[in-house]
PDB file of N, CA and C in Angstrom:
ATOM      1  N   MET A   1     103.301 167.897 115.428  1.00  0.00           N
ATOM      2  CA  MET A   1     103.975 166.615 115.467  1.00  0.00           C
ATOM      3  C   MET A   1     103.672 165.865 114.166  1.00  0.00           C
ATOM      4  N   ARG A   2     104.644 165.172 113.639  1.00  0.00           N
ATOM      5  CA  ARG A   2     104.507 164.425 112.384  1.00  0.00           C
ATOM      6  C   ARG A   2     104.418 162.932 112.677  1.00  0.00           C
ATOM      7  N   TYR A   3     103.677 162.225 111.835  1.00  0.00           N
ATOM      8  CA  TYR A   3     103.447 160.796 112.012  1.00  0.00           C
ATOM      9  C   TYR A   3     103.831 160.026 110.754  1.00  0.00           C
ATOM     10  N   VAL A   4     104.277 158.796 110.959  1.00  0.00           N
ATOM     11  CA  VAL A   4     104.472 157.838 109.870  1.00  0.00           C
ATOM     12  C   VAL A   4     103.480 156.712 110.093  1.00  0.00           C
ATOM     13  N   ILE A   5     103.187 155.970 109.046  1.00  0.00           N
ATOM     14  CA  ILE A   5     102.166 154.921 109.135  1.00  0.00           C
ATOM     15  C   ILE A   5     102.759 153.608 108.649  1.00  0.00           C
ATOM     16  N   TRP A   6     102.661 152.582 109.501  1.00  0.00           N
ATOM     17  CA  TRP A   6     103.138 151.243 109.164  1.00  0.00           C
ATOM     18  C   TRP A   6     101.968 150.421 108.653  1.00  0.00           C
ATOM     19  N   SER A   7     102.185 149.725 107.537  1.00  0.00           N
ATOM     20  CA  SER A   7     101.173 148.835 106.984  1.00  0.00           C
ATOM     21  C   SER A   7     101.541 147.392 107.318  1.00  0.00           C
ATOM     22  N   PHE A   8     100.734 146.749 108.152  1.00  0.00           N
ATOM     23  CA  PHE A   8     100.958 145.337 108.465  1.00  0.00           C
ATOM     24  C   PHE A   8     100.745 144.487 107.213  1.00  0.00           C
ATOM     25  N   GLU A   9      99.787 144.871 106.418  1.00  0.00           N
ATOM     26  CA  GLU A   9      99.468 144.123 105.204  1.00  0.00           C
ATOM     27  C   GLU A   9     100.642 144.110 104.226  1.00  0.00           C
ATOM     28  N   HIS A  10     101.285 145.243 104.043  1.00  0.00           N
ATOM     29  CA  HIS A  10     102.376 145.363 103.068  1.00  0.00           C
ATOM     30  C   HIS A  10     103.765 145.249 103.698  1.00  0.00           C
ATOM     31  N   GLN A  11     103.808 145.188 105.041  1.00  0.00           N
ATOM     32  CA  GLN A  11     105.082 145.131 105.774  1.00  0.00           C
ATOM     33  C   GLN A  11     106.008 146.259 105.327  1.00  0.00           C
ATOM     34  N   ALA A  12     105.450 147.463 105.283  1.00  0.00           N
ATOM     35  CA  ALA A  12     106.196 148.632 104.821  1.00  0.00           C
ATOM     36  C   ALA A  12     105.527 149.897 105.343  1.00  0.00           C
ATOM     37  N   TRP A  13     106.254 151.005 105.242  1.00  0.00           N
ATOM     38  CA  TRP A  13     105.742 152.316 105.608  1.00  0.00           C
ATOM     39  C   TRP A  13     104.946 152.905 104.445  1.00  0.00           C
ATOM     40  N   TRP A  14     103.949 153.702 104.758  1.00  0.00           N
ATOM     41  CA  TRP A  14     103.248 154.456 103.719  1.00  0.00           C
ATOM     42  C   TRP A  14     104.230 155.454 103.139  1.00  0.00           C
ATOM     43  N   ALA A  15     104.238 155.591 101.833  1.00  0.00           N
ATOM     44  CA  ALA A  15     105.108 156.548 101.152  1.00  0.00           C
ATOM     45  C   ALA A  15     104.465 157.948 101.219  1.00  0.00           C
ATOM     46  N   PRO A  16     105.219 158.980 100.840  1.00  0.00           N
ATOM     47  CA  PRO A  16     104.651 160.333 100.840  1.00  0.00           C
ATOM     48  C   PRO A  16     103.410 160.438  99.933  1.00  0.00           C
ATOM     49  N   ASN A  17     102.514 161.313 100.329  1.00  0.00           N
ATOM     50  CA  ASN A  17     101.291 161.609  99.561  1.00  0.00           C
ATOM     51  C   ASN A  17     100.402 160.384  99.346  1.00  0.00           C
ATOM     52  N   ARG A  18     100.532 159.394 100.215  1.00  0.00           N
ATOM     53  CA  ARG A  18      99.718 158.173 100.143  1.00  0.00           C
ATOM     54  C   ARG A  18      99.962 157.393  98.848  1.00  0.00           C
ATOM     55  N   LEU A  19     101.143 157.548  98.264  1.00  0.00           N
ATOM     56  CA  LEU A  19     101.443 156.913  96.978  1.00  0.00           C
ATOM     57  C   LEU A  19     102.353 155.707  97.165  1.00  0.00           C
ATOM     58  N   GLY A  20     101.774 154.601  97.575  1.00  0.00           N
ATOM     59  CA  GLY A  20     102.532 153.365  97.692  1.00  0.00           C
ATOM     60  C   GLY A  20     103.173 153.187  99.052  1.00  0.00           C
ATOM     61  N   TYR A  21     104.206 152.350  99.072  1.00  0.00           N
ATOM     62  CA  TYR A  21     104.845 151.939 100.313  1.00  0.00           C
ATOM     63  C   TYR A  21     106.356 151.908 100.130  1.00  0.00           C
ATOM     64  N   THR A  22     107.070 151.980 101.239  1.00  0.00           N
ATOM     65  CA  THR A  22     108.517 151.874 101.216  1.00  0.00           C
ATOM     66  C   THR A  22     108.976 151.099 102.443  1.00  0.00           C
ATOM     67  N   GLU A  23     110.024 150.336 102.281  1.00  0.00           N
ATOM     68  CA  GLU A  23     110.576 149.599 103.417  1.00  0.00           C
ATOM     69  C   GLU A  23     111.505 150.470 104.261  1.00  0.00           C
ATOM     70  N   LEU A  24     111.853 151.647 103.751  1.00  0.00           N
ATOM     71  CA  LEU A  24     112.820 152.517 104.427  1.00  0.00           C
ATOM     72  C   LEU A  24     112.119 153.650 105.169  1.00  0.00           C
ATOM     73  N   LEU A  25     112.370 153.736 106.450  1.00  0.00           N
ATOM     74  CA  LEU A  25     111.741 154.762 107.273  1.00  0.00           C
ATOM     75  C   LEU A  25     112.064 156.164 106.774  1.00  0.00           C
ATOM     76  N   ASP A  26     113.301 156.392 106.346  1.00  0.00           N
ATOM     77  CA  ASP A  26     113.662 157.742 105.905  1.00  0.00           C
ATOM     78  C   ASP A  26     112.995 158.135 104.583  1.00  0.00           C
ATOM     79  N   GLN A  27     112.346 157.192 103.911  1.00  0.00           N
ATOM     80  CA  GLN A  27     111.599 157.496 102.691  1.00  0.00           C
ATOM     81  C   GLN A  27     110.081 157.488 102.922  1.00  0.00           C
ATOM     82  N   ALA A  28     109.685 157.249 104.159  1.00  0.00           N
ATOM     83  CA  ALA A  28     108.257 157.191 104.486  1.00  0.00           C
ATOM     84  C   ALA A  28     107.621 158.578 104.429  1.00  0.00           C
ATOM     85  N   GLY A  29     106.339 158.592 104.113  1.00  0.00           N
ATOM     86  CA  GLY A  29     105.600 159.841 104.160  1.00  0.00           C
ATOM     87  C   GLY A  29     105.396 160.277 105.596  1.00  0.00           C
ATOM     88  N   GLN A  30     105.405 161.564 105.817  1.00  0.00           N
ATOM     89  CA  GLN A  30     105.128 162.113 107.143  1.00  0.00           C
ATOM     90  C   GLN A  30     103.816 162.878 107.070  1.00  0.00           C
ATOM     91  N   TYR A  31     102.917 162.547 107.980  1.00  0.00           N
ATOM     92  CA  TYR A  31     101.563 163.086 107.951  1.00  0.00           C
ATOM     93  C   TYR A  31     101.261 163.813 109.256  1.00  0.00           C
ATOM     94  N   ASP A  32     100.407 164.827 109.185  1.00  0.00           N
ATOM     95  CA  ASP A  32      99.998 165.491 110.418  1.00  0.00           C
ATOM     96  C   ASP A  32      99.010 164.587 111.154  1.00  0.00           C
ATOM     97  N   ASP A  33      98.681 164.967 112.375  1.00  0.00           N
ATOM     98  CA  ASP A  33      97.847 164.131 113.241  1.00  0.00           C
ATOM     99  C   ASP A  33      96.500 163.804 112.604  1.00  0.00           C
ATOM    100  N   ALA A  34      95.821 164.793 112.069  1.00  0.00           N
ATOM    101  CA  ALA A  34      94.481 164.559 111.503  1.00  0.00           C
ATOM    102  C   ALA A  34      94.539 163.615 110.306  1.00  0.00           C
ATOM    103  N   GLU A  35      95.505 163.824 109.424  1.00  0.00           N
ATOM    104  CA  GLU A  35      95.597 162.963 108.239  1.00  0.00           C
ATOM    105  C   GLU A  35      95.989 161.541 108.628  1.00  0.00           C
ATOM    106  N   ALA A  36      96.914 161.394 109.569  1.00  0.00           N
ATOM    107  CA  ALA A  36      97.321 160.055 110.015  1.00  0.00           C
ATOM    108  C   ALA A  36      96.137 159.316 110.631  1.00  0.00           C
ATOM    109  N   GLN A  37      95.369 160.003 111.459  1.00  0.00           N
ATOM    110  CA  GLN A  37      94.188 159.372 112.062  1.00  0.00           C
ATOM    111  C   GLN A  37      93.188 158.943 110.999  1.00  0.00           C
ATOM    112  N   GLN A  38      92.990 159.778 109.997  1.00  0.00           N
ATOM    113  CA  GLN A  38      92.043 159.440 108.927  1.00  0.00           C
ATOM    114  C   GLN A  38      92.523 158.229 108.140  1.00  0.00           C
ATOM    115  N   ILE A  39      93.801 158.182 107.804  1.00  0.00           N
ATOM    116  CA  ILE A  39      94.343 157.044 107.056  1.00  0.00           C
ATOM    117  C   ILE A  39      94.155 155.759 107.837  1.00  0.00           C
ATOM    118  N   VAL A  40      94.528 155.780 109.105  1.00  0.00           N
ATOM    119  CA  VAL A  40      94.423 154.576 109.943  1.00  0.00           C
ATOM    120  C   VAL A  40      92.963 154.173 110.108  1.00  0.00           C
ATOM    121  N   ARG A  41      92.092 155.126 110.350  1.00  0.00           N
ATOM    122  CA  ARG A  41      90.653 154.826 110.515  1.00  0.00           C
ATOM    123  C   ARG A  41      90.078 154.212 109.244  1.00  0.00           C
ATOM    124  N   ASP A  42      90.394 154.791 108.089  1.00  0.00           N
ATOM    125  CA  ASP A  42      89.868 154.285 106.822  1.00  0.00           C
ATOM    126  C   ASP A  42      90.438 152.916 106.461  1.00  0.00           C
ATOM    127  N   ALA A  43      91.683 152.666 106.835  1.00  0.00           N
ATOM    128  CA  ALA A  43      92.328 151.404 106.472  1.00  0.00           C
ATOM    129  C   ALA A  43      91.934 150.252 107.392  1.00  0.00           C
ATOM    130  N   ASN A  44      91.475 150.560 108.585  1.00  0.00           N
ATOM    131  CA  ASN A  44      91.204 149.521 109.584  1.00  0.00           C
ATOM    132  C   ASN A  44      89.725 149.211 109.735  1.00  0.00           C
ATOM    133  N   VAL A  45      88.996 149.230 108.642  1.00  0.00           N
ATOM    134  CA  VAL A  45      87.555 148.982 108.693  1.00  0.00           C
ATOM    135  C   VAL A  45      87.266 147.535 109.086  1.00  0.00           C
ATOM    136  N   VAL A  46      87.933 146.584 108.470  1.00  0.00           N
ATOM    137  CA  VAL A  46      87.672 145.168 108.722  1.00  0.00           C
ATOM    138  C   VAL A  46      88.561 144.631 109.836  1.00  0.00           C
ATOM    139  N   ARG A  47      89.851 144.939 109.775  1.00  0.00           N
ATOM    140  CA  ARG A  47      90.797 144.495 110.807  1.00  0.00           C
ATOM    141  C   ARG A  47      91.955 145.485 110.857  1.00  0.00           C
ATOM    142  N   GLN A  48      92.766 145.374 111.891  1.00  0.00           N
ATOM    143  CA  GLN A  48      93.892 146.308 112.046  1.00  0.00           C
ATOM    144  C   GLN A  48      94.951 146.018 110.996  1.00  0.00           C
ATOM    145  N   GLU A  49      95.052 146.915 110.029  1.00  0.00           N
ATOM    146  CA  GLU A  49      96.043 146.794 108.958  1.00  0.00           C
ATOM    147  C   GLU A  49      97.120 147.868 109.045  1.00  0.00           C
ATOM    148  N   GLU A  50      96.801 149.002 109.650  1.00  0.00           N
ATOM    149  CA  GLU A  50      97.711 150.141 109.673  1.00  0.00           C
ATOM    150  C   GLU A  50      97.872 150.647 111.108  1.00  0.00           C
ATOM    151  N   LEU A  51      99.023 151.237 111.378  1.00  0.00           N
ATOM    152  CA  LEU A  51      99.334 151.790 112.690  1.00  0.00           C
ATOM    153  C   LEU A  51     100.125 153.074 112.484  1.00  0.00           C
ATOM    154  N   SER A  52      99.727 154.139 113.161  1.00  0.00           N
ATOM    155  CA  SER A  52     100.501 155.378 113.070  1.00  0.00           C
ATOM    156  C   SER A  52     101.302 155.562 114.346  1.00  0.00           C
ATOM    157  N   MET A  53     102.445 156.222 114.212  1.00  0.00           N
ATOM    158  CA  MET A  53     103.286 156.569 115.352  1.00  0.00           C
ATOM    159  C   MET A  53     104.071 157.813 114.989  1.00  0.00           C
ATOM    160  N   THR A  54     104.567 158.489 116.002  1.00  0.00           N
ATOM    161  CA  THR A  54     105.350 159.686 115.710  1.00  0.00           C
ATOM    162  C   THR A  54     106.632 159.286 114.987  1.00  0.00           C
ATOM    163  N   VAL A  55     107.152 160.212 114.220  1.00  0.00           N
ATOM    164  CA  VAL A  55     108.409 159.974 113.510  1.00  0.00           C
ATOM    165  C   VAL A  55     109.505 159.627 114.520  1.00  0.00           C
ATOM    166  N   GLU A  56     109.549 160.347 115.621  1.00  0.00           N
ATOM    167  CA  GLU A  56     110.571 160.105 116.645  1.00  0.00           C
ATOM    168  C   GLU A  56     110.471 158.693 117.204  1.00  0.00           C
ATOM    169  N   SER A  57     109.256 158.219 117.467  1.00  0.00           N
ATOM    170  CA  SER A  57     109.069 156.852 117.985  1.00  0.00           C
ATOM    171  C   SER A  57     109.547 155.815 116.974  1.00  0.00           C
ATOM    172  N   ALA A  58     109.241 156.039 115.704  1.00  0.00           N
ATOM    173  CA  ALA A  58     109.671 155.107 114.658  1.00  0.00           C
ATOM    174  C   ALA A  58     111.191 155.079 114.550  1.00  0.00           C
ATOM    175  N   GLN A  59     111.830 156.235 114.698  1.00  0.00           N
ATOM    176  CA  GLN A  59     113.290 156.286 114.633  1.00  0.00           C
ATOM    177  C   GLN A  59     113.911 155.530 115.803  1.00  0.00           C
ATOM    178  N   VAL A  60     113.345 155.678 116.987  1.00  0.00           N
ATOM    179  CA  VAL A  60     113.843 154.949 118.157  1.00  0.00           C
ATOM    180  C   VAL A  60     113.680 153.453 117.947  1.00  0.00           C
ATOM    181  N   MET A  61     112.504 153.043 117.453  1.00  0.00           N
ATOM    182  CA  MET A  61     112.271 151.618 117.201  1.00  0.00           C
ATOM    183  C   MET A  61     113.278 151.074 116.184  1.00  0.00           C
ATOM    184  N   GLN A  62     113.594 151.859 115.167  1.00  0.00           N
ATOM    185  CA  GLN A  62     114.552 151.427 114.152  1.00  0.00           C
ATOM    186  C   GLN A  62     115.932 151.218 114.777  1.00  0.00           C
ATOM    187  N   VAL A  63     116.373 152.140 115.616  1.00  0.00           N
ATOM    188  CA  VAL A  63     117.672 152.004 116.283  1.00  0.00           C
ATOM    189  C   VAL A  63     117.684 150.762 117.169  1.00  0.00           C
ATOM    190  N   LEU A  64     116.622 150.557 117.929  1.00  0.00           N
ATOM    191  CA  LEU A  64     116.555 149.390 118.808  1.00  0.00           C
ATOM    192  C   LEU A  64     116.559 148.088 118.010  1.00  0.00           C
ATOM    193  N   ALA A  65     115.860 148.067 116.881  1.00  0.00           N
ATOM    194  CA  ALA A  65     115.836 146.861 116.043  1.00  0.00           C
ATOM    195  C   ALA A  65     117.213 146.554 115.477  1.00  0.00           C
ATOM    196  N   VAL A  66     117.924 147.578 115.040  1.00  0.00           N
ATOM    197  CA  VAL A  66     119.274 147.372 114.504  1.00  0.00           C
ATOM    198  C   VAL A  66     120.197 146.870 115.604  1.00  0.00           C
ATOM    199  N   ARG A  67     120.111 147.458 116.777  1.00  0.00           N
ATOM    200  CA  ARG A  67     120.958 146.995 117.898  1.00  0.00           C
ATOM    201  C   ARG A  67     120.667 145.546 118.248  1.00  0.00           C
ATOM    202  N   ALA A  68     119.389 145.168 118.277  1.00  0.00           N
ATOM    203  CA  ALA A  68     119.025 143.776 118.580  1.00  0.00           C
ATOM    204  C   ALA A  68     119.553 142.844 117.498  1.00  0.00           C
ATOM    205  N   TRP A  69     119.442 143.246 116.244  1.00  0.00           N
ATOM    206  CA  TRP A  69     119.951 142.426 115.147  1.00  0.00           C
ATOM    207  C   TRP A  69     121.460 142.246 115.274  1.00  0.00           C
ATOM    208  N   MET A  70     122.159 143.324 115.618  1.00  0.00           N
ATOM    209  CA  MET A  70     123.619 143.243 115.756  1.00  0.00           C
ATOM    210  C   MET A  70     124.019 142.326 116.911  1.00  0.00           C
ATOM    211  N   ARG A  71     123.296 142.412 118.032  1.00  0.00           N
ATOM    212  CA  ARG A  71     123.589 141.519 119.168  1.00  0.00           C
ATOM    213  C   ARG A  71     123.369 140.064 118.773  1.00  0.00           C
ATOM    214  N   ASN A  72     122.269 139.786 118.091  1.00  0.00           N
ATOM    215  CA  ASN A  72     121.989 138.411 117.669  1.00  0.00           C
ATOM    216  C   ASN A  72     123.033 137.911 116.674  1.00  0.00           C
ATOM    217  N   ALA A  73     123.441 138.770 115.758  1.00  0.00           N
ATOM    218  CA  ALA A  73     124.467 138.374 114.787  1.00  0.00           C
ATOM    219  C   ALA A  73     125.785 138.107 115.493  1.00  0.00           C
ATOM    220  N   GLN A  74     126.112 138.928 116.472  1.00  0.00           N
ATOM    221  CA  GLN A  74     127.363 138.739 117.211  1.00  0.00           C
ATOM    222  C   GLN A  74     127.321 137.425 117.997  1.00  0.00           C
ATOM    223  N   ARG A  75     126.194 137.131 118.632  1.00  0.00           N
ATOM    224  CA  ARG A  75     126.061 135.865 119.375  1.00  0.00           C
ATOM    225  C   ARG A  75     126.181 134.671 118.433  1.00  0.00           C
ATOM    226  N   ALA A  76     125.527 134.753 117.302  1.00  0.00           N
ATOM    227  CA  ALA A  76     125.572 133.641 116.345  1.00  0.00           C
ATOM    228  C   ALA A  76     126.997 133.437 115.834  1.00  0.00           C
ATOM    229  N   THR A  77     127.701 134.529 115.586  1.00  0.00           N
ATOM    230  CA  THR A  77     129.072 134.433 115.086  1.00  0.00           C
ATOM    231  C   THR A  77     129.999 133.863 116.150  1.00  0.00           C
ATOM    232  N   SER A  78     129.853 134.328 117.389  1.00  0.00           N
ATOM    233  CA  SER A  78     130.744 133.846 118.448  1.00  0.00           C
ATOM    234  C   SER A  78     130.422 132.405 118.845  1.00  0.00           C
ATOM    235  N   ALA A  79     129.192 131.973 118.641  1.00  0.00           N
ATOM    236  CA  ALA A  79     128.803 130.600 118.984  1.00  0.00           C
ATOM    237  C   ALA A  79     129.121 129.615 117.868  1.00  0.00           C
ATOM    238  N   TYR A  80     129.435 130.140 116.686  1.00  0.00           N
ATOM    239  CA  TYR A  80     129.706 129.267 115.531  1.00  0.00           C
ATOM    240  C   TYR A  80     130.964 128.467 115.748  1.00  0.00           C
ATOM    241  N   GLN A  81     130.870 127.177 115.508  1.00  0.00           N
ATOM    242  CA  GLN A  81     132.029 126.295 115.582  1.00  0.00           C
ATOM    243  C   GLN A  81     132.115 125.561 114.249  1.00  0.00           C
ATOM    244  N   PRO A  82     133.216 125.748 113.541  1.00  0.00           N
ATOM    245  CA  PRO A  82     133.324 125.051 112.253  1.00  0.00           C
ATOM    246  C   PRO A  82     133.289 123.551 112.457  1.00  0.00           C
ATOM    247  N   PRO A  83     132.778 122.813 111.482  1.00  0.00           N
ATOM    248  CA  PRO A  83     132.726 121.351 111.611  1.00  0.00           C
ATOM    249  C   PRO A  83     134.135 120.778 111.669  1.00  0.00           C
ATOM    250  N   GLN A  84     134.254 119.769 112.492  1.00  0.00           N
ATOM    251  CA  GLN A  84     135.538 119.060 112.600  1.00  0.00           C
ATOM    252  C   GLN A  84     135.617 117.997 111.515  1.00  0.00           C
ATOM    253  N   ASP A  85     136.738 117.952 110.824  1.00  0.00           N
ATOM    254  CA  ASP A  85     136.929 116.922 109.812  1.00  0.00           C
ATOM    255  C   ASP A  85     137.039 115.575 110.496  1.00  0.00           C
ATOM    256  N   GLU A  86     136.272 114.641 110.021  1.00  0.00           N
ATOM    257  CA  GLU A  86     136.347 113.279 110.558  1.00  0.00           C
ATOM    258  C   GLU A  86     137.383 112.505 109.754  1.00  0.00           C
ATOM    259  N   GLN A  87     138.377 111.998 110.444  1.00  0.00           N
ATOM    260  CA  GLN A  87     139.416 111.191 109.763  1.00  0.00           C
ATOM    261  C   GLN A  87     139.680 109.924 110.520  1.00  0.00           C
TER     262      GLN A  87
END
């Protein structure tokens, strides 16, 4: 199973080979279980800064986030009422 790692500090995914961060899940590094655990353990010495999850879980979360954003955008658009000109 492959894992991706979210950085709360950087608000981004760990990039491949531990080289920086990316905001795009499809560009995130994928790590095996042992390496993901080591990264998270080493990064969370003082406080929780990193979180690992399976690639599949991250993909599901991404789909759900996009759907929620679309619903909110649709509600905002349908609730919008242009200002009435005062005359």
